[in-house]
Amino acid sequence: MKRLFIFIIVLFITIFIFNPVKTGELKKTPLKSRQKEQSTGITLAVPLPVKEGIKNYFLPGPGYQSPAPFCPNQNILLLWTEKGGLKAITIITYNPRTRIPALLTVPTCTLLPGETLTTGEIYDRKGLSTFTKTLEKAFNTTIPHYIIIDQTVVEQFSRRLGSVNLQGETVPVISIFEDTLAGRRLNDTDLVKALIQKLLLPGEMWKVPGHLTFLVHNIKTNLTLPVFLDIFSKLPAMKLNSLTKVSLPGEERETKRIASPEVTGRILSQITQESLP
């Protein structure tokens, strides 16, 4: 079970430290080298070695109208809130066939196909149920599970983790979260590695169940114990070295990002493939 505990905590750290998308902004997740795919507008942040080809994610042209097939990926919706408002949206997706997991961030300023409200506005005005159904329709999949974490929990959790040794310097995790939110920190690959190393230390590993207990008691979720056990059973087969984080691409207009149905209907399947065009 320790492996499950560490996986969940590292996944939490990876999602929230790696340059979260702020409400109302069109910020894209940065690649360590700051390279950008000009044809698609996608930039990526990768907590682990990224599979070659992901940066060439296929973006259909205007005449590409072939309907997207249903995506059978297993998905969990992760929402980061602050004072009841939506701060960031992440879909944790896993392809059972390729055994590849991925993280898709959706800016809260996104206009999904056929919608007149942004993703943030849909959540604020219509609630979680309608919001989830809207995402399922846009991404051509099912999202049966959700996790909602408030900003105060993120801050308290980072304080529980204390400090890490980052390139010979002792750095409080809370300051790292604050730097990320302020846009001063663009890449935290070394930080995630340092946190993993810390959690695996004999003097720290016994704290991991306590960290997980804190999260369980301070987040809102419909995940059940059987679901957690199912995730645990899949861990040995997961290709975690192929884990990627992608920001949903779209056309940027003033304060909104317009997502096309050709992209939204296929992206979850595309980012969990062995190789891309």
Protein backbone atom coordinates (compact mmCIF):
# COMPACT_ATOMS: atom_id res chain seq x y z
CA MET A 1 0.00 0.00 0.00
CA LYS A 2 2.95 2.36 0.51
CA ARG A 3 3.45 2.45 -3.23
CA LEU A 4 -0.17 3.58 -3.69
CA PHE A 5 0.21 6.28 -1.03
CA ILE A 6 3.38 7.64 -2.63
CA PHE A 7 1.84 7.51 -6.12
CA ILE A 8 -1.23 9.51 -5.06
CA ILE A 9 0.83 12.15 -3.25
CA VAL A 10 3.35 12.48 -6.08
CA LEU A 11 0.47 12.75 -8.58
CA PHE A 12 -1.07 15.51 -6.45
CA ILE A 13 2.25 17.37 -6.27
CA THR A 14 2.87 16.95 -10.00
CA ILE A 15 -0.55 18.33 -10.94
CA PHE A 16 -0.50 21.36 -8.70
CA ILE A 17 3.14 22.39 -8.79
CA PHE A 18 3.52 22.18 -12.54
CA ASN A 19 2.31 25.66 -13.45
CA PRO A 20 -1.45 25.44 -12.78
CA VAL A 21 -3.74 27.34 -15.12
CA LYS A 22 -5.12 30.37 -13.31
CA THR A 23 -8.74 31.50 -13.60
CA GLY A 24 -9.30 33.74 -16.60
CA GLU A 25 -5.80 33.33 -18.00
CA LEU A 26 -4.56 31.70 -21.18
CA LYS A 27 -1.34 30.42 -19.61
CA LYS A 28 0.09 27.27 -21.18
CA THR A 29 2.16 24.64 -19.41
CA PRO A 30 5.86 25.15 -20.23
CA LEU A 31 8.35 22.58 -21.43
CA LYS A 32 11.70 22.53 -19.70
CA SER A 33 13.39 23.77 -22.84
CA ARG A 34 10.58 26.26 -23.45
CA GLN A 35 10.14 24.78 -26.92
CA LYS A 36 6.78 25.44 -28.55
CA GLU A 37 5.07 23.59 -31.36
CA GLN A 38 4.22 26.41 -33.77
CA SER A 39 1.72 24.43 -35.84
CA THR A 40 -0.49 23.58 -32.87
CA GLY A 41 0.25 26.16 -30.22
CA ILE A 42 0.75 23.42 -27.63
CA THR A 43 3.44 23.60 -24.98
CA LEU A 44 3.96 20.79 -22.51
CA ALA A 45 5.22 20.28 -19.00
CA VAL A 46 6.52 16.82 -18.21
CA PRO A 47 7.19 15.57 -14.66
CA LEU A 48 8.81 12.43 -16.04
CA PRO A 49 10.69 11.69 -19.29
CA VAL A 50 8.22 12.46 -22.09
CA LYS A 51 7.64 10.08 -24.96
CA GLU A 52 9.01 11.35 -28.25
CA GLY A 53 6.36 12.68 -30.61
CA ILE A 54 3.91 14.13 -28.08
CA LYS A 55 4.92 17.66 -29.10
CA ASN A 56 3.68 16.87 -32.61
CA TYR A 57 0.09 16.34 -31.49
CA PHE A 58 -2.09 16.27 -34.60
CA LEU A 59 -4.31 19.34 -35.05
CA PRO A 60 -6.92 18.78 -37.82
CA GLY A 61 -7.36 21.42 -40.52
CA PRO A 62 -10.60 23.35 -41.19
CA GLY A 63 -11.90 20.73 -43.61
CA TYR A 64 -11.39 17.78 -41.27
CA GLN A 65 -14.95 16.74 -40.35
CA SER A 66 -14.68 12.99 -39.68
CA PRO A 67 -16.55 12.20 -36.43
CA ALA A 68 -14.36 11.20 -33.52
CA PRO A 69 -14.89 7.70 -32.08
CA PHE A 70 -15.89 7.33 -28.44
CA CYS A 71 -12.88 7.48 -26.11
CA PRO A 72 -12.91 4.50 -23.67
CA ASN A 73 -10.19 5.95 -21.42
CA GLN A 74 -10.65 5.82 -17.65
CA ASN A 75 -10.95 9.39 -16.37
CA ILE A 76 -10.94 11.33 -13.11
CA LEU A 77 -11.87 15.03 -12.98
CA LEU A 78 -9.62 17.05 -10.68
CA LEU A 79 -10.81 20.57 -9.78
CA TRP A 80 -8.84 23.19 -7.87
CA THR A 81 -11.09 25.79 -6.24
CA GLU A 82 -10.62 28.97 -4.23
CA LYS A 83 -13.45 30.44 -2.13
CA GLY A 84 -15.96 28.39 -4.11
CA GLY A 85 -14.73 29.57 -7.50
CA LEU A 86 -13.01 27.35 -10.04
CA LYS A 87 -9.25 27.89 -10.24
CA ALA A 88 -7.99 25.06 -12.44
CA ILE A 89 -9.34 22.03 -14.31
CA THR A 90 -7.39 18.81 -14.91
CA ILE A 91 -8.60 15.54 -16.42
CA ILE A 92 -6.53 12.56 -15.27
CA THR A 93 -6.87 10.03 -18.08
CA TYR A 94 -5.62 6.46 -18.50
CA ASN A 95 -5.68 4.29 -21.61
CA PRO A 96 -6.07 0.62 -20.53
CA ARG A 97 -4.93 -0.62 -23.95
CA THR A 98 -1.64 1.30 -24.15
CA ARG A 99 -1.33 1.51 -20.32
CA ILE A 100 -0.34 5.18 -20.68
CA PRO A 101 -1.65 7.87 -18.27
CA ALA A 102 -1.82 11.59 -19.08
CA LEU A 103 -3.00 14.89 -17.62
CA LEU A 104 -5.10 17.31 -19.67
CA THR A 105 -5.51 20.83 -18.30
CA VAL A 106 -8.48 22.87 -19.49
CA PRO A 107 -8.24 26.64 -18.93
CA THR A 108 -11.27 28.07 -17.11
CA CYS A 109 -11.62 30.60 -19.92
CA THR A 110 -12.22 27.86 -22.53
CA LEU A 111 -15.30 27.90 -24.77
CA LEU A 112 -16.04 24.26 -25.56
CA PRO A 113 -17.82 23.38 -28.84
CA GLY A 114 -21.46 24.49 -28.86
CA GLU A 115 -21.21 26.39 -25.57
CA THR A 116 -21.81 30.10 -24.93
CA LEU A 117 -20.34 30.03 -21.42
CA THR A 118 -16.72 29.33 -20.55
CA THR A 119 -15.82 26.25 -18.54
CA GLY A 120 -15.40 28.38 -15.43
CA GLU A 121 -18.79 30.04 -15.93
CA ILE A 122 -20.54 26.68 -16.45
CA TYR A 123 -19.17 25.38 -13.15
CA ASP A 124 -20.03 28.57 -11.24
CA ARG A 125 -23.55 28.95 -12.65
CA LYS A 126 -24.73 25.40 -13.31
CA GLY A 127 -22.86 23.25 -10.80
CA LEU A 128 -20.70 20.14 -10.87
CA SER A 129 -23.18 17.75 -12.51
CA THR A 130 -23.88 19.92 -15.56
CA PHE A 131 -20.21 20.87 -15.75
CA THR A 132 -19.14 17.20 -15.85
CA LYS A 133 -21.74 16.33 -18.50
CA THR A 134 -20.50 19.24 -20.61
CA LEU A 135 -16.94 17.92 -20.44
CA GLU A 136 -18.06 14.37 -21.25
CA LYS A 137 -19.89 15.62 -24.35
CA ALA A 138 -16.97 17.75 -25.52
CA PHE A 139 -14.30 15.11 -24.95
CA ASN A 140 -16.45 12.23 -26.19
CA THR A 141 -15.89 10.11 -23.10
CA THR A 142 -17.19 9.39 -19.60
CA ILE A 143 -15.84 11.00 -16.43
CA PRO A 144 -17.42 9.08 -13.53
CA HIS A 145 -15.15 10.30 -10.74
CA TYR A 146 -14.13 13.68 -9.39
CA ILE A 147 -11.77 15.18 -6.82
CA ILE A 148 -12.22 18.78 -5.62
CA ILE A 149 -9.41 20.43 -3.66
CA ASP A 150 -9.57 23.96 -2.26
CA GLN A 151 -6.69 26.43 -2.25
CA THR A 152 -6.49 26.37 1.57
CA VAL A 153 -5.95 22.60 1.47
CA VAL A 154 -3.16 23.03 -1.08
CA GLU A 155 -1.45 25.52 1.23
CA GLN A 156 -1.90 23.35 4.34
CA PHE A 157 -0.67 20.26 2.50
CA SER A 158 2.45 22.04 1.27
CA ARG A 159 3.22 23.10 4.85
CA ARG A 160 2.86 19.47 5.97
CA LEU A 161 5.53 18.51 3.44
CA GLY A 162 7.92 21.05 4.98
CA SER A 163 11.09 21.78 3.03
CA VAL A 164 13.11 19.98 0.37
CA ASN A 165 16.77 20.06 -0.60
CA LEU A 166 16.83 21.61 -4.05
CA GLN A 167 20.28 21.73 -5.63
CA GLY A 168 21.91 22.16 -2.23
CA GLU A 169 19.40 24.74 -1.03
CA THR A 170 16.68 24.09 1.57
CA VAL A 171 13.43 25.40 0.07
CA PRO A 172 10.00 25.45 1.83
CA VAL A 173 7.37 23.75 -0.33
CA ILE A 174 4.84 26.50 0.49
CA SER A 175 7.12 29.12 -1.09
CA ILE A 176 7.35 26.97 -4.20
CA PHE A 177 3.56 26.86 -4.50
CA GLU A 178 3.45 30.64 -4.06
CA ASP A 179 6.13 31.17 -6.71
CA THR A 180 4.20 28.93 -9.09
CA LEU A 181 0.99 30.88 -8.58
CA ALA A 182 2.82 34.17 -9.09
CA GLY A 183 4.38 32.92 -12.32
CA ARG A 184 7.93 33.15 -11.00
CA ARG A 185 8.60 29.42 -11.30
CA LEU A 186 8.24 27.89 -14.76
CA ASN A 187 9.71 24.41 -14.38
CA ASP A 188 9.77 22.18 -11.32
CA THR A 189 11.10 18.87 -12.61
CA ASP A 190 13.98 18.95 -10.11
CA LEU A 191 11.53 19.78 -7.32
CA VAL A 192 9.28 16.79 -8.01
CA LYS A 193 12.33 14.51 -8.07
CA ALA A 194 13.49 16.02 -4.76
CA LEU A 195 10.06 15.45 -3.19
CA ILE A 196 10.00 11.83 -4.34
CA GLN A 197 13.46 11.27 -2.87
CA LYS A 198 12.34 12.85 0.40
CA LEU A 199 9.19 10.71 0.64
CA LEU A 200 11.28 7.57 0.12
CA LEU A 201 13.64 8.37 3.01
CA PRO A 202 13.21 5.97 5.99
CA GLY A 203 12.47 8.89 8.29
CA GLU A 204 9.81 10.28 5.96
CA MET A 205 8.07 7.22 4.54
CA TRP A 206 6.15 6.60 7.78
CA LYS A 207 4.54 10.05 7.31
CA VAL A 208 3.10 9.19 3.89
CA PRO A 209 -0.09 7.49 5.19
CA GLY A 210 -0.68 10.58 7.36
CA HIS A 211 -0.31 12.86 4.35
CA LEU A 212 -2.82 10.73 2.45
CA THR A 213 -5.22 10.73 5.42
CA PHE A 214 -5.03 14.54 5.46
CA LEU A 215 -5.96 14.68 1.78
CA VAL A 216 -8.80 12.18 2.18
CA HIS A 217 -10.34 14.22 5.01
CA ASN A 218 -9.94 17.58 3.27
CA ILE A 219 -10.99 16.94 -0.30
CA LYS A 220 -14.39 16.32 -1.87
CA THR A 221 -14.56 13.18 -3.96
CA ASN A 222 -16.82 10.35 -5.03
CA LEU A 223 -13.90 7.93 -5.29
CA THR A 224 -14.60 4.79 -3.27
CA LEU A 225 -12.24 2.25 -1.73
CA PRO A 226 -12.85 -0.27 -4.56
CA VAL A 227 -11.85 2.41 -7.08
CA PHE A 228 -8.66 3.18 -5.13
CA LEU A 229 -7.87 -0.55 -5.02
CA ASP A 230 -8.51 -0.78 -8.77
CA ILE A 231 -6.02 2.06 -9.34
CA PHE A 232 -3.52 0.28 -7.09
CA SER A 233 -3.91 -2.96 -9.04
CA LYS A 234 -3.10 -1.15 -12.30
CA LEU A 235 0.02 0.62 -10.98
CA PRO A 236 2.55 -2.13 -11.83
CA ALA A 237 1.41 -2.12 -15.47
CA MET A 238 1.20 1.68 -15.89
CA LYS A 239 3.85 3.27 -18.09
CA LEU A 240 4.49 6.15 -15.71
CA ASN A 241 7.62 7.18 -17.62
CA SER A 242 5.28 8.19 -20.47
CA LEU A 243 3.15 10.44 -18.25
CA THR A 244 2.58 13.80 -19.95
CA LYS A 245 0.71 16.99 -19.14
CA VAL A 246 -0.98 18.84 -22.01
CA SER A 247 -2.94 22.10 -22.06
CA LEU A 248 -6.03 21.97 -24.30
CA PRO A 249 -5.16 23.93 -27.47
CA GLY A 250 -7.49 26.43 -29.07
CA GLU A 251 -7.83 29.75 -30.82
CA GLU A 252 -7.23 32.62 -28.44
CA ARG A 253 -9.67 35.51 -28.70
CA GLU A 254 -9.31 38.32 -26.19
CA THR A 255 -9.94 36.65 -22.81
CA LYS A 256 -11.25 33.32 -24.15
CA ARG A 257 -9.83 30.19 -25.74
CA ILE A 258 -12.02 28.66 -28.44
CA ALA A 259 -11.69 24.86 -28.61
CA SER A 260 -12.69 23.06 -31.80
CA PRO A 261 -14.71 19.80 -31.82
CA GLU A 262 -12.06 18.17 -34.03
CA VAL A 263 -9.57 18.60 -31.18
CA THR A 264 -11.72 18.01 -28.10
CA GLY A 265 -13.23 14.82 -29.50
CA ARG A 266 -9.84 13.20 -30.02
CA ILE A 267 -7.31 14.68 -27.63
CA LEU A 268 -7.73 12.22 -24.73
CA SER A 269 -7.12 9.29 -27.07
CA GLN A 270 -4.25 11.06 -28.81
CA ILE A 271 -2.24 11.95 -25.70
CA THR A 272 -2.36 8.38 -24.40
CA GLN A 273 -1.09 6.70 -27.58
CA GLU A 274 2.29 5.01 -27.95
CA SER A 275 3.27 7.42 -30.72
CA LEU A 276 1.73 10.42 -32.42
CA PRO A 277 1.77 11.64 -36.04
